[in-house]
Amino acid sequence: MKRWTRCLALALLCATALTAEIRTLTILHVNDLHSRLLPLENKHGGFAYLAAMVRRERANCTDCIFLNGGDVAQGSPVSTIFHGLPVFEIANLLGLDAGTLGNHDFDYGWMQARKFLDTAKYPIVSSNIVGADGGLLDPKPFVILKVNGLRVAVIGAMTESLKTLTIPAAMGEWHTISLVETARKYARELKDKSDLIVLLGHITGGEEQELLSKVPEIPVIVSGHIHSGMEKPLTLDGRVVVRVKSYAEELGRLDLKVDTGKKAPASWEWKHMVVDSTQLAPAEDVAAQVKHWEDEVTKQVDTPLAVSKRAIDKRETKLVIERAMREQTGSDFAFMNQGGVRDAIPQGQLLERHIWNIMPFDNRLVTGTFKGRDLPAVVLGDRKVDPDKEYTLVVSDFTAGNQQANENLRTSGLQFPNDVGLMRDVLLDWFRKKKVIE
């Protein structure tokens, strides 16, 4: 009996070896498009040019899939005014095979995020956002894509820091659960149903490293959330993590040779390609939709506002915003989180559109009065204060609601009872009064 069992096991092993083979797979990928429908100041990006590059790469490619790592919504007037839906409609023309949700896809509330799931004609997958009863917000935690004889399982995942990246009212009861444990759960479930497992994550750099080191069952991670992209992939024991620049500046291409026996890459090559609008002819169907929606907002946002005598980078733009917040509200101190500064101030004629791009969020400014001793160190900087004197501090409602986060005030318990208006409107008024930014 034992001999028969050994022979059977050997036969099965031989059969597996015979059926295992190397198949090619190409993963095209983007992340953090942020509704930047038009090319940036540096002529990179633009949805019509991204579509053109994707179509070029997919031409005569029988083993290609195209993935998006989250944050389609938020970042331009079209998205802000129409709450993201037109952007998802245009994204349907890009030829995506799967996407995942990003934290900014919740900026208009979780019910609007659900509308995004319905609007997308490609599957949007997310496995670790749950409600009070443990049920999933997104009914598709994963999708299995069939390409070149391969079953490619794509699991969607959201950063566990989501709660500090959104206003609580936008999320309601929805929250993230353990990224690593959820990834392991679905990797186990999909092991026998797939030839390769890919995690499509809107995650932090630390979480990329953690998944790479703790979840060996997932050999490929396509990431989003960090806008800077990568110069070269993260790797460990033959597994790989890739991510490109935000705002459609880059398209990533990961060429894999997949060992179907080991269900892992036998080899891979990766490159990140600049979407250069000066070198590409735009995809006409996408360009037509971009023009339609940009025309809808141009009268509202393409109005001359002020003149900037020099280009101001994002870090200094934060200081300009804080100055405007102080002067417009008469506060002693102001704080703006760096991550909330979504664009820089260019040199030359400023349009209202530039302020919408810098501050696309519908955040409100709120103020509070505090004794010097209670002001957070991150607000004070080098300035000395009287510990017993009262000072006013103005922040966004996002910062007030997430004040304990490292990117915000790094404290808790501060109350900001006074709402002084929509932050973007306050900034527009300040720039309009200044006329010239030195």
Protein backbone atom coordinates (compact mmCIF):
# COMPACT_ATOMS: atom_id res chain seq x y z
CA MET A 1 0.00 0.00 0.00
CA LYS A 2 2.82 2.37 0.91
CA ARG A 3 4.58 1.60 -2.37
CA TRP A 4 1.38 2.37 -4.32
CA THR A 5 1.03 5.68 -2.44
CA ARG A 6 4.61 6.63 -3.24
CA CYS A 7 4.10 5.81 -6.92
CA LEU A 8 0.94 7.88 -7.04
CA ALA A 9 2.66 10.84 -5.42
CA LEU A 10 5.55 10.55 -7.87
CA ALA A 11 3.15 10.39 -10.81
CA LEU A 12 1.33 13.49 -9.63
CA LEU A 13 4.62 15.31 -9.17
CA CYS A 14 5.71 14.38 -12.69
CA ALA A 15 2.36 15.44 -14.12
CA THR A 16 2.67 18.82 -12.38
CA ALA A 17 6.18 19.27 -13.72
CA LEU A 18 4.99 18.48 -17.25
CA THR A 19 2.07 20.93 -17.11
CA ALA A 20 4.06 23.75 -15.48
CA GLU A 21 5.38 26.25 -18.00
CA ILE A 22 6.69 29.77 -18.42
CA ARG A 23 4.15 32.28 -19.73
CA THR A 24 4.61 35.99 -20.34
CA LEU A 25 2.53 38.72 -18.72
CA THR A 26 2.82 42.50 -19.06
CA ILE A 27 1.31 44.75 -16.39
CA LEU A 28 0.81 48.38 -17.39
CA HIS A 29 0.01 50.53 -14.39
CA VAL A 30 -0.75 54.04 -13.12
CA ASN A 31 -1.71 55.49 -9.76
CA ASP A 32 -2.97 58.74 -8.24
CA LEU A 33 -4.38 60.26 -11.43
CA HIS A 34 -6.20 62.80 -9.24
CA SER A 35 -8.47 64.09 -11.98
CA ARG A 36 -5.64 65.93 -13.73
CA LEU A 37 -7.38 65.74 -17.09
CA LEU A 38 -5.01 68.23 -18.75
CA PRO A 39 -1.20 68.11 -18.98
CA LEU A 40 0.71 69.69 -16.11
CA GLU A 41 2.84 72.83 -16.31
CA ASN A 42 5.80 70.64 -17.36
CA LYS A 43 3.75 69.23 -20.29
CA HIS A 44 3.61 65.78 -18.72
CA GLY A 45 0.40 63.83 -18.27
CA GLY A 46 -3.13 64.52 -19.42
CA PHE A 47 -5.74 61.78 -19.76
CA ALA A 48 -5.82 61.93 -23.59
CA TYR A 49 -2.04 61.52 -23.78
CA LEU A 50 -2.01 58.75 -21.19
CA ALA A 51 -4.66 56.92 -23.23
CA ALA A 52 -2.52 57.32 -26.35
CA MET A 53 0.53 55.82 -24.62
CA VAL A 54 -1.46 52.92 -23.17
CA ARG A 55 -2.89 52.13 -26.60
CA ARG A 56 0.57 52.27 -28.11
CA GLU A 57 1.92 49.86 -25.52
CA ARG A 58 -1.04 47.50 -25.92
CA ALA A 59 -0.83 47.37 -29.70
CA ASN A 60 0.02 43.78 -30.72
CA CYS A 61 0.34 42.87 -27.02
CA THR A 62 -1.61 39.69 -26.29
CA ASP A 63 -0.44 39.40 -22.70
CA CYS A 64 -1.16 42.93 -21.35
CA ILE A 65 -3.32 44.05 -18.47
CA PHE A 66 -3.70 47.65 -17.25
CA LEU A 67 -4.14 48.45 -13.54
CA ASN A 68 -4.80 51.63 -11.54
CA GLY A 69 -3.58 52.02 -7.95
CA GLY A 70 -6.31 54.36 -6.65
CA ASP A 71 -7.19 58.06 -6.32
CA VAL A 72 -8.89 58.69 -9.64
CA ALA A 73 -10.98 61.46 -8.04
CA GLN A 74 -10.04 64.80 -6.48
CA GLY A 75 -7.48 67.30 -7.70
CA SER A 76 -9.06 69.47 -10.40
CA PRO A 77 -12.06 71.77 -10.73
CA VAL A 78 -13.97 69.22 -12.83
CA SER A 79 -13.73 66.71 -9.99
CA THR A 80 -14.46 69.20 -7.22
CA ILE A 81 -17.47 70.79 -8.90
CA PHE A 82 -19.02 67.55 -10.16
CA HIS A 83 -17.88 65.33 -7.26
CA GLY A 84 -15.67 63.03 -9.29
CA LEU A 85 -18.21 61.26 -11.52
CA PRO A 86 -17.12 62.76 -14.87
CA VAL A 87 -13.55 61.72 -14.14
CA PHE A 88 -14.54 58.09 -13.65
CA GLU A 89 -16.55 58.29 -16.87
CA ILE A 90 -13.48 59.49 -18.75
CA ALA A 91 -11.32 56.86 -17.00
CA ASN A 92 -13.58 54.24 -18.62
CA LEU A 93 -11.97 55.20 -21.94
CA LEU A 94 -8.45 54.43 -20.74
CA GLY A 95 -8.85 50.66 -21.11
CA LEU A 96 -8.30 49.69 -17.48
CA ASP A 97 -8.68 46.01 -16.59
CA ALA A 98 -8.90 46.65 -12.84
CA GLY A 99 -8.46 49.40 -10.28
CA THR A 100 -8.63 49.92 -6.55
CA LEU A 101 -9.98 52.71 -4.36
CA GLY A 102 -7.75 55.45 -2.98
CA ASN A 103 -8.30 57.55 0.14
CA HIS A 104 -9.27 60.61 -1.94
CA ASP A 105 -11.97 58.63 -3.68
CA PHE A 106 -13.80 59.09 -0.34
CA ASP A 107 -13.46 62.88 -0.25
CA TYR A 108 -17.06 63.33 -1.34
CA GLY A 109 -18.32 60.74 1.12
CA TRP A 110 -18.60 56.98 1.11
CA MET A 111 -21.91 57.01 -0.76
CA GLN A 112 -20.21 58.83 -3.64
CA ALA A 113 -17.41 56.24 -3.56
CA ARG A 114 -20.10 53.62 -4.05
CA LYS A 115 -21.27 55.56 -7.12
CA PHE A 116 -17.72 55.39 -8.46
CA LEU A 117 -17.88 51.59 -8.18
CA ASP A 118 -21.09 51.61 -10.22
CA THR A 119 -19.80 54.14 -12.78
CA ALA A 120 -16.58 52.27 -13.55
CA LYS A 121 -16.92 49.80 -16.42
CA TYR A 122 -13.85 47.97 -15.18
CA PRO A 123 -13.74 46.07 -11.85
CA ILE A 124 -12.68 48.12 -8.82
CA VAL A 125 -11.42 45.81 -6.09
CA SER A 126 -10.90 46.51 -2.39
CA SER A 127 -10.61 43.85 0.28
CA ASN A 128 -10.09 45.52 3.66
CA ILE A 129 -12.65 48.34 4.00
CA VAL A 130 -15.49 47.07 6.17
CA GLY A 131 -18.51 48.34 8.08
CA ALA A 132 -19.59 47.82 11.67
CA ASP A 133 -20.85 44.32 10.86
CA GLY A 134 -17.64 43.34 9.05
CA GLY A 135 -19.25 43.48 5.62
CA LEU A 136 -17.23 44.84 2.70
CA LEU A 137 -17.89 48.29 1.26
CA ASP A 138 -16.75 47.00 -2.13
CA PRO A 139 -18.44 43.73 -3.14
CA LYS A 140 -15.35 42.79 -5.18
CA PRO A 141 -12.34 42.14 -2.94
CA PHE A 142 -10.52 40.63 -5.92
CA VAL A 143 -10.90 39.80 -9.60
CA ILE A 144 -9.35 37.02 -11.67
CA LEU A 145 -8.18 38.26 -15.07
CA LYS A 146 -7.51 35.69 -17.78
CA VAL A 147 -4.72 36.62 -20.14
CA ASN A 148 -2.30 34.57 -22.26
CA GLY A 149 -3.48 31.35 -20.64
CA LEU A 150 -2.84 32.75 -17.15
CA ARG A 151 -5.29 33.29 -14.34
CA VAL A 152 -4.12 36.54 -12.73
CA ALA A 153 -5.76 37.22 -9.36
CA VAL A 154 -5.79 40.91 -8.46
CA ILE A 155 -6.54 41.73 -4.81
CA GLY A 156 -7.40 45.33 -3.92
CA ALA A 157 -6.18 46.88 -0.67
CA MET A 158 -6.32 50.20 1.19
CA THR A 159 -3.80 51.70 3.60
CA GLU A 160 -4.61 51.23 7.28
CA SER A 161 -3.96 54.96 7.75
CA LEU A 162 -7.21 55.77 5.91
CA LYS A 163 -8.80 57.04 9.13
CA THR A 164 -6.23 59.86 9.37
CA LEU A 165 -6.53 60.71 5.68
CA THR A 166 -10.24 61.47 5.62
CA ILE A 167 -12.76 63.50 7.57
CA PRO A 168 -14.72 61.08 9.82
CA ALA A 169 -18.08 62.19 8.41
CA ALA A 170 -16.96 61.09 4.93
CA MET A 171 -16.39 57.50 6.07
CA GLY A 172 -19.35 56.90 8.38
CA GLU A 173 -19.00 53.40 9.85
CA TRP A 174 -16.52 52.25 7.19
CA HIS A 175 -12.94 51.55 8.26
CA THR A 176 -9.92 49.48 7.32
CA ILE A 177 -8.90 46.18 8.86
CA SER A 178 -5.44 44.60 8.93
CA LEU A 179 -3.74 44.86 5.55
CA VAL A 180 -1.36 41.94 6.11
CA GLU A 181 -3.95 39.56 7.56
CA THR A 182 -6.45 40.36 4.83
CA ALA A 183 -3.83 39.90 2.11
CA ARG A 184 -2.87 36.52 3.58
CA LYS A 185 -6.52 35.46 3.78
CA TYR A 186 -7.23 36.13 0.12
CA ALA A 187 -3.86 34.78 -1.00
CA ARG A 188 -4.74 31.46 0.63
CA GLU A 189 -8.20 31.50 -0.96
CA LEU A 190 -6.82 32.27 -4.41
CA LYS A 191 -3.80 29.95 -4.41
CA ASP A 192 -5.51 27.10 -6.26
CA LYS A 193 -7.67 29.39 -8.40
CA SER A 194 -4.88 31.39 -10.00
CA ASP A 195 -1.46 31.21 -11.62
CA LEU A 196 -0.24 34.54 -10.24
CA ILE A 197 -1.45 36.76 -7.40
CA VAL A 198 -1.05 40.53 -7.66
CA LEU A 199 -1.87 42.93 -4.84
CA LEU A 200 -3.14 46.27 -6.13
CA GLY A 201 -2.69 48.55 -3.14
CA HIS A 202 -3.22 52.18 -2.23
CA ILE A 203 -0.70 51.94 0.58
CA THR A 204 2.20 53.63 2.34
CA GLY A 205 5.88 52.92 1.79
CA GLY A 206 6.07 51.13 5.12
CA GLU A 207 3.13 48.94 4.15
CA GLU A 208 4.80 48.10 0.83
CA GLN A 209 7.83 46.84 2.79
CA GLU A 210 5.65 44.98 5.29
CA LEU A 211 3.70 43.14 2.61
CA LEU A 212 6.88 42.27 0.77
CA SER A 213 8.47 40.78 3.89
CA LYS A 214 5.43 39.20 5.58
CA VAL A 215 3.24 37.92 2.74
CA PRO A 216 5.44 35.77 0.49
CA GLU A 217 2.31 34.25 -1.04
CA ILE A 218 1.90 37.48 -3.03
CA PRO A 219 4.82 37.84 -5.46
CA VAL A 220 3.77 41.07 -7.23
CA ILE A 221 2.56 44.33 -5.69
CA VAL A 222 1.41 47.26 -7.82
CA SER A 223 1.17 50.25 -5.51
CA GLY A 224 -0.21 53.75 -5.31
CA HIS A 225 -0.64 56.60 -2.79
CA ILE A 226 2.95 57.88 -2.73
CA HIS A 227 3.11 60.45 -5.53
CA SER A 228 6.85 60.41 -6.12
CA GLY A 229 6.95 56.99 -7.73
CA MET A 230 10.04 54.78 -7.74
CA GLU A 231 13.33 54.91 -9.59
CA LYS A 232 13.66 51.14 -9.26
CA PRO A 233 11.37 48.45 -7.83
CA LEU A 234 11.46 47.08 -4.31
CA THR A 235 12.45 43.43 -4.39
CA LEU A 236 12.83 40.52 -2.00
CA ASP A 237 13.41 36.84 -2.84
CA GLY A 238 12.13 37.25 -6.37
CA ARG A 239 9.07 39.28 -5.38
CA VAL A 240 8.60 42.82 -6.64
CA VAL A 241 6.83 46.10 -5.82
CA VAL A 242 6.33 48.83 -8.45
CA ARG A 243 4.82 52.34 -8.39
CA VAL A 244 4.94 55.36 -10.74
CA LYS A 245 4.60 59.13 -10.42
CA SER A 246 1.17 60.63 -9.88
CA TYR A 247 -1.00 62.89 -12.06
CA ALA A 248 -0.54 60.63 -15.12
CA GLU A 249 3.07 61.82 -15.47
CA GLU A 250 4.25 58.25 -15.91
CA LEU A 251 3.05 54.87 -17.15
CA GLY A 252 4.68 51.81 -15.63
CA ARG A 253 5.39 48.63 -17.58
CA LEU A 254 6.26 45.40 -15.74
CA ASP A 255 7.17 42.55 -18.09
CA LEU A 256 7.00 39.20 -16.33
CA LYS A 257 7.85 35.62 -17.17
CA VAL A 258 5.54 33.61 -14.92
CA ASP A 259 6.41 30.11 -13.77
CA THR A 260 2.96 28.49 -13.57
CA GLY A 261 4.30 25.68 -11.42
CA LYS A 262 5.73 27.98 -8.76
CA LYS A 263 3.03 30.63 -9.40
CA ALA A 264 5.69 33.29 -9.26
CA PRO A 265 7.84 35.35 -11.62
CA ALA A 266 10.75 33.46 -13.13
CA SER A 267 12.08 36.86 -14.20
CA TRP A 268 10.91 40.43 -14.68
CA GLU A 269 11.83 43.79 -16.19
CA TRP A 270 10.31 47.15 -15.23
CA LYS A 271 10.39 50.63 -16.67
CA HIS A 272 8.55 53.87 -15.97
CA MET A 273 7.81 55.96 -19.04
CA VAL A 274 7.11 59.70 -19.07
CA VAL A 275 3.75 60.63 -20.60
CA ASP A 276 5.10 63.55 -22.65
CA SER A 277 2.30 65.55 -24.28
CA THR A 278 4.80 67.17 -26.66
CA GLN A 279 5.72 63.79 -28.13
CA LEU A 280 2.33 62.05 -28.28
CA ALA A 281 -0.79 62.64 -30.36
CA PRO A 282 -3.76 62.65 -27.94
CA ALA A 283 -6.40 59.93 -28.14
CA GLU A 284 -9.20 61.77 -29.89
CA ASP A 285 -12.14 60.17 -28.04
CA VAL A 286 -10.58 60.94 -24.65
CA ALA A 287 -9.58 64.45 -25.72
CA ALA A 288 -13.17 65.16 -26.75
CA GLN A 289 -14.50 64.18 -23.32
CA VAL A 290 -11.77 66.15 -21.55
CA LYS A 291 -12.64 69.23 -23.60
CA HIS A 292 -16.35 68.80 -22.89
CA TRP A 293 -15.87 68.77 -19.12
CA GLU A 294 -13.14 71.42 -19.06
CA ASP A 295 -15.46 73.69 -21.07
CA GLU A 296 -18.06 73.16 -18.35
CA VAL A 297 -15.81 74.73 -15.71
CA THR A 298 -13.64 77.17 -17.63
CA LYS A 299 -15.88 80.22 -17.10
CA GLN A 300 -15.79 79.57 -13.38
CA VAL A 301 -12.06 78.91 -12.90
CA ASP A 302 -10.09 80.42 -15.77
CA THR A 303 -10.43 83.98 -14.52
CA PRO A 304 -7.25 86.08 -13.99
CA LEU A 305 -6.52 86.39 -10.29
CA ALA A 306 -3.00 87.68 -9.58
CA VAL A 307 0.56 87.60 -10.89
CA SER A 308 3.38 85.61 -9.33
CA LYS A 309 6.86 87.02 -9.95
CA ARG A 310 8.46 83.63 -9.45
CA ALA A 311 7.70 79.92 -9.30
CA ILE A 312 7.00 78.80 -5.73
CA ASP A 313 7.42 75.12 -4.84
CA LYS A 314 4.96 73.13 -2.74
CA ARG A 315 6.82 73.60 0.54
CA GLU A 316 6.90 77.36 0.19
CA THR A 317 3.32 77.34 -1.12
CA LYS A 318 2.36 75.90 2.27
CA LEU A 319 3.87 78.99 3.91
CA VAL A 320 2.01 81.27 1.51
CA ILE A 321 -1.24 79.50 2.37
CA GLU A 322 -0.58 79.88 6.10
CA ARG A 323 0.11 83.58 5.64
CA ALA A 324 -3.18 83.96 3.76
CA MET A 325 -5.02 82.05 6.50
CA ARG A 326 -3.61 84.33 9.21
CA GLU A 327 -4.22 87.58 7.37
CA GLN A 328 -7.72 86.71 6.20
CA THR A 329 -8.91 85.57 9.64
CA GLY A 330 -6.84 87.85 11.88
CA SER A 331 -5.37 84.84 13.66
CA ASP A 332 -2.06 84.75 15.49
CA PHE A 333 -1.05 81.37 14.11
CA ALA A 334 -2.02 79.20 11.15
CA PHE A 335 -1.22 75.63 10.21
CA MET A 336 -1.63 73.86 6.87
CA ASN A 337 -0.70 70.20 6.48
CA GLN A 338 1.84 69.71 3.71
CA GLY A 339 -0.10 66.83 2.16
CA GLY A 340 -3.05 69.15 1.64
CA VAL A 341 -1.02 71.36 -0.70
CA ARG A 342 -1.81 69.67 -4.01
CA ASP A 343 0.08 71.92 -6.41
CA ALA A 344 2.68 74.68 -6.54
CA ILE A 345 2.33 78.34 -7.50
CA PRO A 346 3.69 78.88 -11.03
CA GLN A 347 5.43 82.02 -12.24
CA GLY A 348 3.41 84.53 -14.23
CA GLN A 349 -0.33 85.03 -14.58
CA LEU A 350 -2.31 83.15 -11.96
CA LEU A 351 -5.82 82.02 -12.72
CA GLU A 352 -8.43 80.98 -10.20
CA ARG A 353 -7.83 77.47 -11.61
CA HIS A 354 -4.37 77.49 -10.01
CA ILE A 355 -5.91 77.93 -6.56
CA TRP A 356 -8.48 75.21 -7.28
CA ASN A 357 -5.57 72.91 -8.18
CA ILE A 358 -3.65 73.88 -5.04
CA MET A 359 -6.73 73.46 -2.86
CA PRO A 360 -9.23 71.13 -4.57
CA PHE A 361 -10.77 70.02 -1.27
CA ASP A 362 -13.94 71.53 0.12
CA ASN A 363 -12.22 71.96 3.49
CA ARG A 364 -13.39 74.73 5.78
CA LEU A 365 -11.26 76.98 7.96
CA VAL A 366 -11.87 76.75 11.69
CA THR A 367 -10.37 78.74 14.54
CA GLY A 368 -9.80 78.21 18.23
CA THR A 369 -8.32 80.20 21.11
CA PHE A 370 -5.59 78.63 23.24
CA LYS A 371 -3.09 79.62 25.90
CA GLY A 372 0.50 79.75 24.71
CA ARG A 373 1.37 76.66 26.71
CA ASP A 374 -1.25 74.63 24.81
CA LEU A 375 -0.19 75.57 21.29
CA PRO A 376 1.40 72.61 19.45
CA ALA A 377 5.15 72.81 18.86
CA VAL A 378 4.65 72.26 15.12
CA VAL A 379 2.64 75.49 15.01
CA LEU A 380 5.05 77.58 17.08
CA GLY A 381 8.24 76.83 15.17
CA ASP A 382 10.89 79.20 16.54
CA ARG A 383 8.39 81.79 17.76
CA LYS A 384 8.29 82.46 21.50
CA VAL A 385 4.94 82.88 23.25
CA ASP A 386 3.69 83.82 26.70
CA PRO A 387 2.45 80.55 28.24
CA ASP A 388 -0.44 82.35 29.98
CA LYS A 389 -1.52 84.56 27.10
CA GLU A 390 -4.32 83.50 24.73
CA TYR A 391 -3.67 83.17 21.02
CA THR A 392 -5.89 82.28 18.06
CA LEU A 393 -5.00 79.41 15.74
CA VAL A 394 -6.62 78.75 12.35
CA VAL A 395 -6.51 75.34 10.66
CA SER A 396 -8.58 73.36 8.19
CA ASP A 397 -11.40 71.18 9.46
CA PHE A 398 -9.39 68.22 8.15
CA THR A 399 -6.48 69.11 10.43
CA ALA A 400 -8.84 69.75 13.35
CA GLY A 401 -10.47 66.35 12.83
CA ASN A 402 -7.15 64.52 12.48
CA GLN A 403 -5.01 66.67 14.77
CA GLN A 404 -3.21 63.73 16.35
CA ALA A 405 -1.60 62.64 13.06
CA ASN A 406 2.10 63.25 12.50
CA GLU A 407 1.36 65.34 9.43
CA ASN A 408 -0.98 67.57 11.43
CA LEU A 409 -0.71 68.98 14.96
CA ARG A 410 0.63 65.88 16.75
CA THR A 411 -1.68 66.49 19.68
CA SER A 412 -5.29 65.91 20.68
CA GLY A 413 -8.10 67.61 22.54
CA LEU A 414 -7.89 71.04 20.88
CA GLN A 415 -11.29 72.55 20.12
CA PHE A 416 -11.93 74.73 17.06
CA PRO A 417 -15.49 76.01 17.49
CA ASN A 418 -15.49 78.82 14.91
CA ASP A 419 -16.13 78.11 11.21
CA VAL A 420 -14.85 81.01 9.11
CA GLY A 421 -15.66 79.73 5.64
CA LEU A 422 -14.56 77.57 2.74
CA MET A 423 -10.78 77.49 2.65
CA ARG A 424 -10.51 77.82 -1.13
CA ASP A 425 -12.72 80.92 -1.12
CA VAL A 426 -10.55 82.49 1.58
CA LEU A 427 -7.43 81.83 -0.50
CA LEU A 428 -8.99 83.19 -3.67
CA ASP A 429 -9.95 86.40 -1.86
CA TRP A 430 -6.43 86.83 -0.45
CA PHE A 431 -4.71 86.34 -3.84
CA ARG A 432 -7.21 88.69 -5.47
CA LYS A 433 -6.40 91.42 -2.93
CA LYS A 434 -2.65 90.91 -3.18
CA LYS A 435 -2.60 91.15 -6.99
CA VAL A 436 1.18 90.53 -7.05
CA ILE A 437 2.95 87.64 -5.26
CA GLU A 438 6.60 88.41 -4.70
